[in-house]
Amino acid sequence: MSINDPLSPIRLQLMWDRLIAVVEEQALTLIRTGFSTSTREAGDLSAGVFDLRGDMLAQAVTGTPGHINSMARAVRHFIAKFPVATMKEGDIFLTNDPWKGTGHLHDFTFVTPTFRRGKMVAMFASTCHVVDIGGRGMGTDARQVFEEGLYIPLMRFAREGKVDETLIDIVTVNVREPVQVVGDLYSLATCNEIGCRRLVEMMDEFAIDDLDRLGRHILEKSKQASLEAIRKVKPGAYKFSMTVDGYDKPIDLVATMKVGESGIDVDFTGTSGVSSYGINVPVCYTEAYASFGVKCIVAPRVPNNEGSLSVIRVTAPEGCILNAKHPSPVAARHVTGQMLPDVMFGCLHQAMPDGVPAEGTSCLWNLFALGGPGRTDGDPSETANAIPFTVMSFHAGGTGARPGADGLSATAFPSGVKNVPIEVNEAVSPILVWRKEYRQDSGGPGEFRGGLGQIMEVGTLDTAPFAISAYYDRIDHPPRGREGGQNGAAGTVTLKSGGKLRGMGQQTVGQHDRVIISMPGGGGLGNPRRRDVASVAQDVREGFISVEAARRDYGVAVAPDGTVDTAETQKLRTLAAE
C-alpha cells in the first residue's frame, strides 16, 4: 500500500496522533473558557471524540478518569434517546443525570454532532464539574438524589444553532452561582464546537470522507495491544478487600479479578450495601475507576478508547454501594469510587508482586466552604449580613510509595486533578488560608516512603460563621503499606479552638475560628530499615520526616541539618535486624 494512499498504515497513524491533538485542544479550550475554579484551575473535566456508533476513538490527556471513562458510556445513552439519523447540524445535547452521565448532578456532559459537507461524521463530548447545582449543595448529607440539586434529563441545549433559553432560565434560578454555572455550560458547548472545527480541517487535509477506516484501525490496534499486555499477567482469580470509613459505618470494598486470554473481569460481589448518605456510586463511575486502576498497572501506554476499555469488564451487584440505583444520594460518589484503583492494585499485587504501589489517600480532600444567610447552624442573626459565597477548591493527600520510588506528596491520584492555588479562592470569596504546608511524618515509612499529606488552616475575613461540607475518608482506616512498608498517617479535621469535626457532613465553623484539615499520607513500600541512609538524611533536612521518626522508623541517627551519626545508625540497624 502506497504512503500516498489516504488510508495507508502510516497515514492512519498520523491521523490517529492528529485526532488526539484535536481532543487535547478541545479540553484546553474548556479550561481557557471555563468559569469555575474546578474547570480552569483543577482540570476536573474530560473531552473526547466518538464515532457514529458511540464508541470513543480518542480522549484528551487532560481530564479525570471518572469523567473520561464514564463519559465513554454516556454517549450511548444520548444516541438511544436521540438517534444519529435525527441529529441536525447545530444541535447540542446535555445532561447531568448521574446514571447516564458521570455519576452525580454536579457534572454536566455535552454531546455535539460533527457535520462535514452536510453529512454527520462524528460526535464530540465533554464534561466538567460545576460549582453548584442547587439543593443541599456538594456534600454527603442528602438521603435521596432529589435533595442534591437540579436534575436535568437528556435533552437539547441547542436546536440547529439556537440555544434553549428556557433551560438557561431554569438553571439560573436554581443555582447559587448562576454566572459560573451558566458560563460553564457555554464553555462546554464552545469546546465541542472547536473539536468539530478541527476534525473537519483534519479530514479535509487528509482527504477522507468519514472516520470508518480510521476508527476501526484505532479500536482494533488498541484492543490487540491491551490483550497482549494482559497476557503477560499471570492468569488466575485474585480476591482483595479494603475497608474504608464510610459516613456512619465502615464500608467493605471487595473485588474478585479474573485474568484470562480474553481480558480481565472484575466482580465486586461481597461489597457493602447502599449507604443512607450521599457516598453511593452509580455503576458507570465504578466501571470508570476500576478499569482505570487495571490499565495503570497492566497497559498504561495503550491509548484509552473503546478498544482498550472493552477488554476490562466490570460488574457490581445491584444494591451494593458500587451499583446504587436511583434515587440513591450520590453527590460525593468520588469518596468511595476513587478508592477502587487501590482495590485493583491489591488484586494485581498477587499476580505482579513487584509492580504495584502501596495504598494512597486516593479520595480527594477538597475544601468545600460556604457562607452567607442560611448556610450555617445556629442563630440566623449571626449570618444575616454575611457575605454569600460558595468555594470548591481541590486538594489532596499523599500517594502510595511506588516500586523503586517514593510516593508523590499532596498529589491527587487517581483523579489527576490539580491542587487549586489558594490565591484564586481568596480573590473571589472571604476565605483566607492561614497555612498550607506539607504534613511532616505523614508518609508511611518504607524502603520507599509514602507521599506526604498536607495541612491547611482555613478561616474567613468575615466575622460571621461559615460552613464546610466535609467528604473525607482515611480518618479511621489510613492507607496501608505494602511488602513490609508501614501505613500512612490518618487524616484529621479539627478546629483551631480545639474541637474535632467529623470526616463527613456539613458542619459550622464558628465566628473567628478556623478549620485545620490534616490530609493523610500514602503507605510505604518495603522494610523501612532498608531505606538508603542518605535518603533518610535528605528527608530530615527538607522537613519531610522528623529526627525522632528517622530514628524510630528507619533506624537512622540524624541531626536536624541532615548530619548522620554513622556509628549510632549502624548500631540501631543491627539491633533491628536481630
Protein backbone atom coordinates (compact mmCIF):
# COMPACT_ATOMS: atom_id res chain seq x y z
CA MET A 1 0.00 0.00 0.00
CA SER A 2 1.42 3.40 -1.01
CA ILE A 3 2.19 6.08 1.58
CA ASN A 4 0.17 8.42 -0.65
CA ASP A 5 -2.91 6.26 -0.10
CA PRO A 6 -5.10 8.29 2.32
CA LEU A 7 -5.61 5.12 4.34
CA SER A 8 -2.10 3.66 4.35
CA PRO A 9 -0.88 2.41 7.78
CA ILE A 10 1.49 5.35 8.14
CA ARG A 11 -1.17 7.91 7.33
CA LEU A 12 -3.62 6.16 9.65
CA GLN A 13 -1.11 6.53 12.47
CA LEU A 14 -0.60 10.20 11.62
CA MET A 15 -4.34 10.76 11.67
CA TRP A 16 -4.62 8.95 15.00
CA ASP A 17 -2.00 11.25 16.50
CA ARG A 18 -3.76 14.25 14.98
CA LEU A 19 -7.08 13.11 16.46
CA ILE A 20 -5.53 13.05 19.93
CA ALA A 21 -4.22 16.58 19.31
CA VAL A 22 -7.73 17.66 18.32
CA VAL A 23 -9.32 16.41 21.56
CA GLU A 24 -6.49 17.90 23.59
CA GLU A 25 -7.24 21.30 22.05
CA GLN A 26 -10.90 20.67 22.84
CA ALA A 27 -10.02 20.13 26.52
CA LEU A 28 -7.70 23.12 26.68
CA THR A 29 -10.46 25.29 25.20
CA LEU A 30 -12.72 24.21 28.07
CA ILE A 31 -10.01 25.14 30.57
CA ARG A 32 -9.41 28.55 28.96
CA THR A 33 -13.10 29.44 28.75
CA GLY A 34 -14.33 27.76 31.96
CA PHE A 35 -15.80 29.91 34.70
CA SER A 36 -15.48 27.65 37.76
CA THR A 37 -12.17 27.00 39.50
CA SER A 38 -12.73 23.25 39.26
CA THR A 39 -12.55 23.57 35.47
CA ARG A 40 -10.00 26.30 34.82
CA GLU A 41 -7.67 25.66 37.76
CA ALA A 42 -8.04 21.97 38.68
CA GLY A 43 -8.77 20.42 35.28
CA ASP A 44 -11.76 18.46 36.58
CA LEU A 45 -13.14 17.68 33.13
CA SER A 46 -12.99 15.40 30.11
CA ALA A 47 -13.09 15.67 26.33
CA GLY A 48 -13.32 13.08 23.59
CA VAL A 49 -14.36 12.21 20.05
CA PHE A 50 -16.77 9.39 19.19
CA ASP A 51 -17.81 7.54 16.06
CA LEU A 52 -21.42 7.27 14.95
CA ARG A 53 -21.93 4.08 16.98
CA GLY A 54 -20.97 5.93 20.16
CA ASP A 55 -17.54 4.33 20.51
CA MET A 56 -14.87 6.64 21.94
CA LEU A 57 -11.98 6.92 19.47
CA ALA A 58 -9.76 9.32 21.40
CA GLN A 59 -9.74 11.18 24.68
CA ALA A 60 -7.78 14.20 25.84
CA VAL A 61 -4.89 13.54 28.20
CA THR A 62 -6.25 16.45 30.22
CA GLY A 63 -9.07 15.26 32.44
CA THR A 64 -10.05 12.76 35.11
CA PRO A 65 -10.70 9.00 34.69
CA GLY A 66 -14.06 9.35 36.43
CA HIS A 67 -15.22 11.79 33.78
CA ILE A 68 -13.49 10.25 30.76
CA ASN A 69 -14.34 6.60 31.27
CA SER A 70 -17.93 7.21 32.35
CA MET A 71 -18.41 9.73 29.52
CA ALA A 72 -17.30 6.91 27.20
CA ARG A 73 -20.54 5.13 28.14
CA ALA A 74 -22.72 8.24 28.38
CA VAL A 75 -22.70 8.96 24.66
CA ARG A 76 -24.59 5.74 24.01
CA HIS A 77 -27.42 6.97 26.24
CA PHE A 78 -27.64 10.12 24.12
CA ILE A 79 -27.79 8.08 20.91
CA ALA A 80 -30.52 5.88 22.37
CA LYS A 81 -32.73 8.92 23.00
CA PHE A 82 -31.62 11.00 20.01
CA PRO A 83 -30.77 8.60 17.15
CA VAL A 84 -27.96 9.71 14.90
CA ALA A 85 -30.33 9.90 11.92
CA THR A 86 -32.36 12.61 13.70
CA MET A 87 -29.42 14.85 14.69
CA LYS A 88 -29.07 18.13 12.83
CA GLU A 89 -26.16 20.50 12.32
CA GLY A 90 -26.13 22.97 15.21
CA ASP A 91 -27.77 20.56 17.68
CA ILE A 92 -26.17 20.31 21.12
CA PHE A 93 -27.29 17.84 23.78
CA LEU A 94 -26.69 17.78 27.55
CA THR A 95 -27.49 16.02 30.79
CA ASN A 96 -26.34 15.81 34.40
CA ASP A 97 -28.18 12.52 35.03
CA PRO A 98 -25.85 10.67 37.44
CA TRP A 99 -26.71 7.26 35.97
CA LYS A 100 -26.47 8.29 32.31
CA GLY A 101 -23.66 10.80 32.74
CA THR A 102 -20.69 10.67 35.07
CA GLY A 103 -22.06 9.84 38.48
CA HIS A 104 -23.51 12.94 40.17
CA LEU A 105 -25.57 16.05 39.46
CA HIS A 106 -22.61 18.43 39.62
CA ASP A 107 -21.22 17.07 36.34
CA PHE A 108 -22.68 18.21 33.02
CA THR A 109 -21.99 16.17 29.89
CA PHE A 110 -22.42 17.82 26.49
CA VAL A 111 -22.58 16.00 23.14
CA THR A 112 -22.29 17.77 19.78
CA PRO A 113 -22.62 16.08 16.38
CA THR A 114 -19.99 16.98 13.76
CA PHE A 115 -21.07 17.61 10.17
CA ARG A 116 -18.86 17.85 7.08
CA ARG A 117 -20.42 18.84 3.76
CA GLY A 118 -23.86 18.17 5.18
CA LYS A 119 -23.03 14.66 6.40
CA MET A 120 -22.65 13.69 10.06
CA VAL A 121 -19.19 12.18 10.60
CA ALA A 122 -18.58 12.08 14.39
CA MET A 123 -19.59 13.39 17.80
CA PHE A 124 -17.64 15.34 20.38
CA ALA A 125 -18.41 15.03 24.09
CA SER A 126 -17.15 16.92 27.11
CA THR A 127 -17.81 17.02 30.83
CA CYS A 128 -16.99 19.40 33.65
CA HIS A 129 -17.88 19.83 37.31
CA VAL A 130 -19.93 22.93 38.15
CA VAL A 131 -19.52 24.72 41.47
CA ASP A 132 -23.19 24.46 42.47
CA ILE A 133 -26.34 22.74 41.27
CA GLY A 134 -28.75 23.88 43.97
CA GLY A 135 -30.27 21.56 46.56
CA ARG A 136 -28.14 20.84 49.62
CA GLY A 137 -25.00 21.62 47.67
CA MET A 138 -21.96 19.41 47.19
CA GLY A 139 -21.95 17.08 50.18
CA THR A 140 -22.85 13.79 51.79
CA ASP A 141 -25.94 14.65 53.87
CA ALA A 142 -28.77 14.05 51.39
CA ARG A 143 -30.89 10.91 51.70
CA GLN A 144 -32.12 10.93 48.07
CA VAL A 145 -30.81 12.37 44.83
CA PHE A 146 -33.84 14.70 44.77
CA GLU A 147 -32.27 16.68 47.61
CA GLU A 148 -28.94 17.05 45.86
CA GLY A 149 -29.90 19.62 43.26
CA LEU A 150 -31.34 20.32 39.83
CA TYR A 151 -31.70 17.11 37.79
CA ILE A 152 -31.65 17.65 34.02
CA PRO A 153 -32.52 14.67 31.79
CA LEU A 154 -31.01 14.01 28.38
CA MET A 155 -32.23 16.97 26.34
CA ARG A 156 -31.21 19.61 23.84
CA PHE A 157 -29.11 22.58 24.89
CA ALA A 158 -29.45 23.97 21.36
CA ARG A 159 -31.57 23.01 18.34
CA GLU A 160 -29.96 23.75 14.97
CA GLY A 161 -27.84 26.51 16.50
CA LYS A 162 -30.49 28.13 18.71
CA VAL A 163 -29.90 27.81 22.46
CA ASP A 164 -32.87 26.80 24.63
CA GLU A 165 -33.29 29.96 26.72
CA THR A 166 -35.95 28.33 28.89
CA LEU A 167 -33.36 25.79 30.04
CA ILE A 168 -30.92 28.61 30.82
CA ASP A 169 -33.59 30.40 32.85
CA ILE A 170 -34.35 27.25 34.85
CA VAL A 171 -30.68 26.67 35.65
CA THR A 172 -30.14 30.32 36.54
CA VAL A 173 -32.84 30.43 39.21
CA ASN A 174 -31.97 27.06 40.72
CA VAL A 175 -28.27 27.53 41.48
CA ARG A 176 -26.42 29.78 43.90
CA GLU A 177 -23.67 30.75 41.44
CA PRO A 178 -25.56 31.31 38.16
CA VAL A 179 -22.79 33.23 36.41
CA GLN A 180 -20.27 30.46 36.99
CA VAL A 181 -22.65 27.60 36.23
CA VAL A 182 -24.23 29.04 33.08
CA GLY A 183 -20.80 30.20 31.97
CA ASP A 184 -19.52 26.63 32.25
CA LEU A 185 -22.44 25.36 30.15
CA TYR A 186 -21.50 27.70 27.33
CA SER A 187 -17.85 26.68 27.76
CA LEU A 188 -18.79 23.02 27.26
CA ALA A 189 -20.66 23.92 24.09
CA THR A 190 -17.71 26.00 22.88
CA CYS A 191 -15.07 23.34 23.40
CA ASN A 192 -17.14 20.80 21.47
CA GLU A 193 -17.51 23.30 18.65
CA ILE A 194 -13.73 23.73 18.50
CA GLY A 195 -13.37 19.95 18.30
CA CYS A 196 -15.83 19.82 15.41
CA ARG A 197 -13.97 22.53 13.50
CA ARG A 198 -10.57 20.92 13.96
CA LEU A 199 -11.85 17.50 12.94
CA VAL A 200 -13.32 18.86 9.70
CA GLU A 201 -10.00 20.61 8.98
CA MET A 202 -8.17 17.35 9.57
CA MET A 203 -10.49 15.39 7.27
CA ASP A 204 -10.06 17.99 4.54
CA GLU A 205 -6.28 17.86 4.93
CA PHE A 206 -6.11 14.05 4.75
CA ALA A 207 -8.83 13.84 2.08
CA ILE A 208 -11.11 11.39 3.91
CA ASP A 209 -14.90 11.46 3.84
CA ASP A 210 -15.59 9.51 7.04
CA LEU A 211 -13.87 8.03 10.08
CA ASP A 212 -14.87 4.42 9.45
CA ARG A 213 -11.48 3.02 8.46
CA LEU A 214 -9.56 5.20 10.90
CA GLY A 215 -11.92 4.25 13.71
CA ARG A 216 -11.54 0.52 13.01
CA HIS A 217 -7.76 0.91 12.95
CA ILE A 218 -7.73 2.73 16.30
CA LEU A 219 -10.05 0.32 18.09
CA GLU A 220 -8.53 -2.87 16.69
CA LYS A 221 -4.94 -1.84 17.41
CA SER A 222 -5.83 -0.67 20.93
CA LYS A 223 -7.72 -3.86 21.74
CA GLN A 224 -4.91 -6.02 20.39
CA ALA A 225 -2.25 -4.12 22.35
CA SER A 226 -4.32 -4.34 25.54
CA LEU A 227 -4.79 -8.10 25.17
CA GLU A 228 -1.07 -8.56 24.56
CA ALA A 229 -0.35 -6.69 27.79
CA ILE A 230 -2.97 -8.67 29.75
CA ARG A 231 -1.50 -11.97 28.54
CA LYS A 232 1.77 -11.06 30.26
CA VAL A 233 -0.03 -11.11 33.62
CA LYS A 234 -0.19 -14.43 35.44
CA PRO A 235 -3.67 -15.82 34.71
CA GLY A 236 -5.93 -16.71 37.59
CA ALA A 237 -8.51 -15.40 40.04
CA TYR A 238 -7.41 -12.86 42.65
CA LYS A 239 -9.51 -11.55 45.53
CA PHE A 240 -8.85 -8.45 47.62
CA SER A 241 -10.80 -6.34 50.10
CA MET A 242 -10.35 -2.93 51.64
CA THR A 243 -12.26 -1.28 54.47
CA VAL A 244 -12.84 2.46 54.35
CA ASP A 245 -14.52 4.85 56.77
CA GLY A 246 -17.88 5.48 55.14
CA TYR A 247 -20.30 8.06 56.53
CA ASP A 248 -21.82 6.43 59.62
CA LYS A 249 -20.21 2.98 59.44
CA PRO A 250 -17.27 1.30 57.71
CA ILE A 251 -17.59 0.08 54.13
CA ASP A 252 -16.04 -3.09 52.74
CA LEU A 253 -14.95 -2.91 49.11
CA VAL A 254 -14.48 -6.48 47.88
CA ALA A 255 -13.29 -7.48 44.42
CA THR A 256 -12.56 -10.69 42.57
CA MET A 257 -10.40 -10.23 39.48
CA LYS A 258 -10.13 -12.95 36.84
CA VAL A 259 -7.26 -12.63 34.38
CA GLY A 260 -7.65 -14.67 31.20
CA GLU A 261 -6.92 -14.82 27.49
CA SER A 262 -9.88 -12.64 26.52
CA GLY A 263 -9.27 -9.91 29.08
CA ILE A 264 -9.84 -9.07 32.71
CA ASP A 265 -13.14 -9.46 34.54
CA VAL A 266 -13.75 -7.67 37.84
CA ASP A 267 -16.67 -8.56 40.09
CA PHE A 268 -17.50 -6.59 43.25
CA THR A 269 -19.72 -9.24 44.87
CA GLY A 270 -19.30 -9.06 48.65
CA THR A 271 -19.10 -5.27 48.75
CA SER A 272 -21.17 -3.43 51.38
CA GLY A 273 -24.72 -2.38 50.62
CA VAL A 274 -26.01 1.06 49.69
CA SER A 275 -25.41 3.86 52.18
CA SER A 276 -28.17 6.09 53.55
CA TYR A 277 -25.98 9.07 52.64
CA GLY A 278 -24.51 10.60 49.51
CA ILE A 279 -21.40 8.44 49.14
CA ASN A 280 -23.08 5.88 46.87
CA VAL A 281 -21.65 5.16 43.43
CA PRO A 282 -23.57 4.66 40.15
CA VAL A 283 -22.08 1.73 38.28
CA CYS A 284 -20.80 3.97 35.46
CA TYR A 285 -18.38 5.57 37.92
CA THR A 286 -17.44 2.20 39.40
CA GLU A 287 -16.57 0.94 35.95
CA ALA A 288 -14.60 4.11 35.22
CA TYR A 289 -12.22 3.92 38.18
CA ALA A 290 -11.92 0.14 38.33
CA SER A 291 -10.89 -0.04 34.66
CA PHE A 292 -8.51 2.87 35.15
CA GLY A 293 -6.81 1.08 38.06
CA VAL A 294 -6.29 -2.01 35.92
CA LYS A 295 -4.92 -0.01 32.99
CA CYS A 296 -2.46 1.88 35.20
CA ILE A 297 -0.65 -1.37 36.03
CA VAL A 298 -1.32 -3.66 33.08
CA ALA A 299 -1.38 -1.44 29.99
CA PRO A 300 -0.51 2.16 30.90
CA ARG A 301 0.91 3.03 27.47
CA VAL A 302 -2.07 1.86 25.42
CA PRO A 303 -4.28 4.81 24.44
CA ASN A 304 -7.60 4.96 26.25
CA ASN A 305 -10.53 4.35 23.95
CA GLU A 306 -13.37 1.88 23.39
CA GLY A 307 -10.95 -0.72 22.07
CA SER A 308 -8.72 -0.77 25.15
CA LEU A 309 -11.64 -0.40 27.58
CA SER A 310 -13.59 -3.28 26.02
CA VAL A 311 -11.22 -5.95 27.40
CA ILE A 312 -11.73 -4.82 31.03
CA ARG A 313 -15.19 -5.86 32.12
CA VAL A 314 -16.58 -4.65 35.45
CA THR A 315 -19.72 -5.78 37.28
CA ALA A 316 -21.20 -4.98 40.68
CA PRO A 317 -24.37 -6.44 42.23
CA GLU A 318 -27.39 -4.16 42.22
CA GLY A 319 -27.95 -2.66 45.64
CA CYS A 320 -24.31 -2.62 46.70
CA ILE A 321 -22.67 0.75 47.26
CA LEU A 322 -20.86 0.41 43.91
CA ASN A 323 -24.08 -0.09 41.95
CA ALA A 324 -26.52 2.24 43.67
CA LYS A 325 -29.79 2.72 41.89
CA HIS A 326 -31.98 5.80 41.53
CA PRO A 327 -32.94 7.64 43.75
CA SER A 328 -29.91 6.92 45.98
CA PRO A 329 -27.93 10.02 47.03
CA VAL A 330 -24.67 10.14 45.06
CA ALA A 331 -23.26 13.69 45.34
CA ALA A 332 -19.98 12.56 46.92
CA ARG A 333 -19.65 9.34 44.93
CA HIS A 334 -15.95 10.07 44.39
CA VAL A 335 -15.18 9.48 48.09
CA THR A 336 -15.96 5.81 47.58
CA GLY A 337 -15.33 5.39 43.86
CA GLN A 338 -11.81 6.77 43.86
CA MET A 339 -10.73 4.01 46.25
CA LEU A 340 -11.23 1.41 43.54
CA PRO A 341 -7.80 1.66 41.88
CA ASP A 342 -6.27 0.71 45.25
CA VAL A 343 -8.57 -2.31 45.34
CA MET A 344 -7.45 -3.24 41.81
CA PHE A 345 -3.82 -2.84 42.87
CA GLY A 346 -4.47 -5.24 45.75
CA CYS A 347 -5.70 -7.86 43.29
CA LEU A 348 -2.88 -7.30 40.81
CA HIS A 349 -0.23 -7.40 43.53
CA GLN A 350 -0.93 -11.12 43.83
CA ALA A 351 -0.12 -11.62 40.15
CA MET A 352 2.58 -8.93 39.83
CA PRO A 353 4.23 -8.68 43.28
CA ASP A 354 6.95 -6.26 42.17
CA GLY A 355 4.81 -3.97 40.05
CA VAL A 356 2.19 -2.39 42.30
CA PRO A 357 2.28 0.70 44.59
CA ALA A 358 1.17 0.83 48.22
CA GLU A 359 -2.21 2.34 49.04
CA GLY A 360 -2.59 6.11 48.87
CA THR A 361 -5.06 8.68 50.16
CA SER A 362 -6.92 8.19 46.87
CA CYS A 363 -10.10 10.13 47.73
CA LEU A 364 -9.83 13.89 47.34
CA TRP A 365 -9.68 16.12 50.42
CA ASN A 366 -11.34 19.13 48.81
CA LEU A 367 -12.22 22.31 50.64
CA PHE A 368 -15.91 22.97 50.04
CA ALA A 369 -16.70 26.09 52.04
CA LEU A 370 -19.92 28.08 52.05
CA GLY A 371 -21.18 31.18 53.77
CA GLY A 372 -23.98 33.68 53.90
CA PRO A 373 -27.54 33.71 55.24
CA GLY A 374 -28.96 30.27 55.89
CA ARG A 375 -25.74 28.36 55.24
CA THR A 376 -24.75 27.52 58.83
CA ASP A 377 -26.23 26.10 62.01
CA GLY A 378 -27.00 28.32 64.98
CA ASP A 379 -28.52 31.77 65.34
CA PRO A 380 -29.61 33.12 61.90
CA SER A 381 -28.83 36.66 63.04
CA GLU A 382 -25.12 35.78 63.02
CA THR A 383 -25.16 35.35 59.24
CA ALA A 384 -27.88 37.84 58.30
CA ASN A 385 -25.32 40.26 56.84
CA ALA A 386 -22.62 37.74 55.98
CA ILE A 387 -21.08 37.66 52.50
CA PRO A 388 -22.65 34.85 50.45
CA PHE A 389 -20.06 32.55 48.86
CA THR A 390 -19.51 29.01 47.63
CA VAL A 391 -15.95 27.79 47.21
CA MET A 392 -14.89 24.49 45.67
CA SER A 393 -11.13 24.01 45.99
CA PHE A 394 -9.31 20.80 45.08
CA HIS A 395 -6.62 19.40 47.38
CA ALA A 396 -5.08 16.00 48.05
CA GLY A 397 -3.08 13.87 50.44
CA GLY A 398 -0.12 11.65 49.59
CA THR A 399 0.03 8.74 47.17
CA GLY A 400 1.38 5.32 48.00
CA ALA A 401 5.06 4.51 47.55
CA ARG A 402 5.85 3.08 44.12
CA PRO A 403 8.13 0.19 43.15
CA GLY A 404 11.55 1.83 43.08
CA ALA A 405 10.33 5.32 44.03
CA ASP A 406 8.72 7.28 46.85
CA GLY A 407 5.07 8.26 46.71
CA LEU A 408 4.04 11.68 45.47
CA SER A 409 3.22 14.30 48.08
CA ALA A 410 -0.03 16.29 48.07
CA THR A 411 -0.91 14.75 44.71
CA ALA A 412 -4.36 13.65 43.57
CA PHE A 413 -4.27 10.07 42.41
CA PRO A 414 -6.28 8.52 40.83
CA SER A 415 -8.29 11.60 39.84
CA GLY A 416 -5.32 13.55 38.49
CA VAL A 417 -6.82 16.96 39.29
CA LYS A 418 -4.54 19.82 40.30
CA ASN A 419 -4.34 21.49 43.69
CA VAL A 420 -6.06 24.86 43.33
CA PRO A 421 -3.83 27.82 44.28
CA ILE A 422 -5.14 29.41 47.46
CA GLU A 423 -4.95 32.90 45.95
CA VAL A 424 -7.65 32.00 43.42
CA ASN A 425 -10.35 31.40 46.03
CA GLU A 426 -9.12 34.18 48.29
CA ALA A 427 -9.67 36.58 45.39
CA VAL A 428 -13.32 35.63 44.85
CA SER A 429 -14.50 34.96 48.42
CA PRO A 430 -13.81 35.96 52.04
CA ILE A 431 -11.92 32.66 52.52
CA LEU A 432 -8.43 33.10 53.99
CA VAL A 433 -5.92 30.24 54.13
CA TRP A 434 -3.57 30.85 57.05
CA ARG A 435 -1.41 27.83 56.48
CA LYS A 436 -0.79 25.34 53.64
CA GLU A 437 2.21 23.08 54.09
CA TYR A 438 3.46 19.53 53.87
CA ARG A 439 2.46 17.39 56.84
CA GLN A 440 5.65 16.10 58.44
CA ASP A 441 5.86 12.33 59.15
CA SER A 442 2.62 11.62 57.30
CA GLY A 443 4.18 9.48 54.57
CA GLY A 444 4.22 5.80 55.51
CA PRO A 445 7.76 4.60 56.38
CA GLY A 446 9.26 2.13 53.95
CA GLU A 447 12.28 1.41 51.81
CA PHE A 448 10.33 3.71 49.54
CA ARG A 449 8.41 6.29 51.57
CA GLY A 450 4.77 7.13 51.06
CA GLY A 451 3.95 10.60 49.76
CA LEU A 452 3.22 13.30 52.35
CA GLY A 453 -0.19 14.76 53.01
CA GLN A 454 -0.66 18.47 53.59
CA ILE A 455 -2.14 20.70 56.28
CA MET A 456 -4.48 23.58 55.52
CA GLU A 457 -5.70 26.05 58.11
CA VAL A 458 -8.73 27.96 56.82
CA GLY A 459 -10.81 30.85 58.12
CA THR A 460 -12.58 33.87 56.62
CA LEU A 461 -12.13 37.62 56.60
CA ASP A 462 -15.79 37.91 57.54
CA THR A 463 -16.70 37.88 61.24
CA ALA A 464 -19.65 35.54 60.62
CA PRO A 465 -19.59 31.76 60.97
CA PHE A 466 -19.13 29.72 57.82
CA ALA A 467 -19.63 26.05 56.98
CA ILE A 468 -17.57 23.32 55.42
CA SER A 469 -19.09 20.36 53.65
CA ALA A 470 -16.72 17.53 54.55
CA TYR A 471 -16.39 14.37 52.49
CA TYR A 472 -13.12 12.91 53.76
CA ASP A 473 -12.14 9.28 54.18
CA ARG A 474 -8.94 7.62 55.51
CA ILE A 475 -9.51 9.00 59.02
CA ASP A 476 -10.30 5.68 60.70
CA HIS A 477 -8.68 3.50 58.04
CA PRO A 478 -5.42 5.08 56.80
CA PRO A 479 -3.65 3.99 53.60
CA ARG A 480 -1.93 0.67 54.12
CA GLY A 481 1.71 -0.07 53.42
CA ARG A 482 2.87 -2.99 51.33
CA GLU A 483 5.69 -5.55 51.46
CA GLY A 484 6.76 -4.50 54.96
CA GLY A 485 6.06 -0.81 54.47
CA GLN A 486 4.05 0.94 57.17
CA ASN A 487 0.73 2.74 56.94
CA GLY A 488 0.47 6.39 56.04
CA ALA A 489 -0.82 8.83 58.65
CA ALA A 490 -4.59 9.02 59.05
CA GLY A 491 -6.34 12.28 58.24
CA THR A 492 -7.93 14.59 60.81
CA VAL A 493 -10.31 17.56 60.72
CA THR A 494 -10.14 19.85 63.75
CA LEU A 495 -10.86 23.41 64.83
CA LYS A 496 -8.27 25.96 65.87
CA SER A 497 -10.25 26.32 69.08
CA GLY A 498 -9.64 22.66 69.84
CA GLY A 499 -12.81 20.91 68.71
CA LYS A 500 -12.91 17.90 66.41
CA LEU A 501 -15.05 17.71 63.28
CA ARG A 502 -16.44 14.65 61.51
CA GLY A 503 -14.94 13.42 58.28
CA MET A 504 -18.35 13.53 56.59
CA GLY A 505 -21.17 16.06 56.55
CA GLN A 506 -21.79 19.80 56.62
CA GLN A 507 -20.52 21.46 59.81
CA THR A 508 -20.24 25.01 61.08
CA VAL A 509 -17.01 26.83 61.89
CA GLY A 510 -17.77 29.50 64.47
CA GLN A 511 -17.01 33.20 64.43
CA HIS A 512 -13.27 33.93 64.48
CA ASP A 513 -12.48 30.19 64.46
CA ARG A 514 -10.57 28.24 61.82
CA VAL A 515 -10.72 24.70 60.48
CA ILE A 516 -7.49 22.67 60.28
CA ILE A 517 -7.55 19.98 57.61
CA SER A 518 -4.71 17.46 58.00
CA MET A 519 -4.63 15.18 54.99
CA PRO A 520 -3.46 11.54 55.02
CA GLY A 521 -0.12 10.32 53.75
CA GLY A 522 0.46 7.39 51.43
CA GLY A 523 1.53 3.93 52.58
CA GLY A 524 5.17 2.88 52.49
CA LEU A 525 6.65 0.09 50.35
CA GLY A 526 9.26 -2.33 51.69
CA ASN A 527 11.08 -2.57 55.02
CA PRO A 528 11.93 0.97 56.29
CA ARG A 529 15.27 -0.28 57.64
CA ARG A 530 16.36 -0.93 54.06
CA ARG A 531 15.88 2.71 53.08
CA ASP A 532 19.05 4.40 51.93
CA VAL A 533 20.55 6.34 54.83
CA ALA A 534 21.31 9.33 52.60
CA SER A 535 17.63 9.46 51.57
CA VAL A 536 16.54 9.49 55.21
CA ALA A 537 19.01 12.30 55.95
CA GLN A 538 17.70 14.27 52.97
CA ASP A 539 14.12 13.81 54.18
CA VAL A 540 15.10 15.21 57.58
CA ARG A 541 16.86 18.19 56.01
CA GLU A 542 13.80 19.00 53.94
CA GLY A 543 11.42 18.56 56.88
CA PHE A 544 9.59 15.60 55.39
CA ILE A 545 10.34 13.43 58.41
CA SER A 546 11.35 14.38 61.94
CA VAL A 547 14.58 13.44 63.71
CA GLU A 548 12.51 11.21 66.00
CA ALA A 549 10.83 9.40 63.11
CA ALA A 550 14.16 8.86 61.38
CA ARG A 551 15.47 7.08 64.46
CA ARG A 552 12.25 5.22 65.35
CA ASP A 553 11.09 4.11 61.91
CA TYR A 554 14.26 3.98 59.83
CA GLY A 555 16.98 3.29 62.39
CA VAL A 556 18.95 6.36 61.34
CA ALA A 557 20.51 8.70 63.90
CA VAL A 558 20.48 12.07 62.18
CA ALA A 559 20.65 15.70 63.27
CA PRO A 560 18.14 18.33 62.01
CA ASP A 561 20.74 19.55 59.50
CA GLY A 562 20.95 16.06 57.99
CA THR A 563 24.26 15.05 59.58
CA VAL A 564 24.26 11.29 60.19
CA ASP A 565 25.83 9.62 63.22
CA THR A 566 27.18 6.62 61.32
CA ALA A 567 28.18 4.54 64.35
CA GLU A 568 24.83 5.05 66.10
CA THR A 569 22.94 4.31 62.88
CA GLN A 570 24.84 1.06 62.38
CA LYS A 571 24.03 0.08 65.96
CA LEU A 572 20.32 0.87 65.54
CA ARG A 573 20.01 -1.10 62.32
CA THR A 574 21.96 -4.05 63.72
CA LEU A 575 19.66 -4.23 66.72
CA ALA A 576 16.61 -4.09 64.46
CA ALA A 577 17.96 -6.93 62.29
CA GLU A 578 18.43 -9.10 65.36
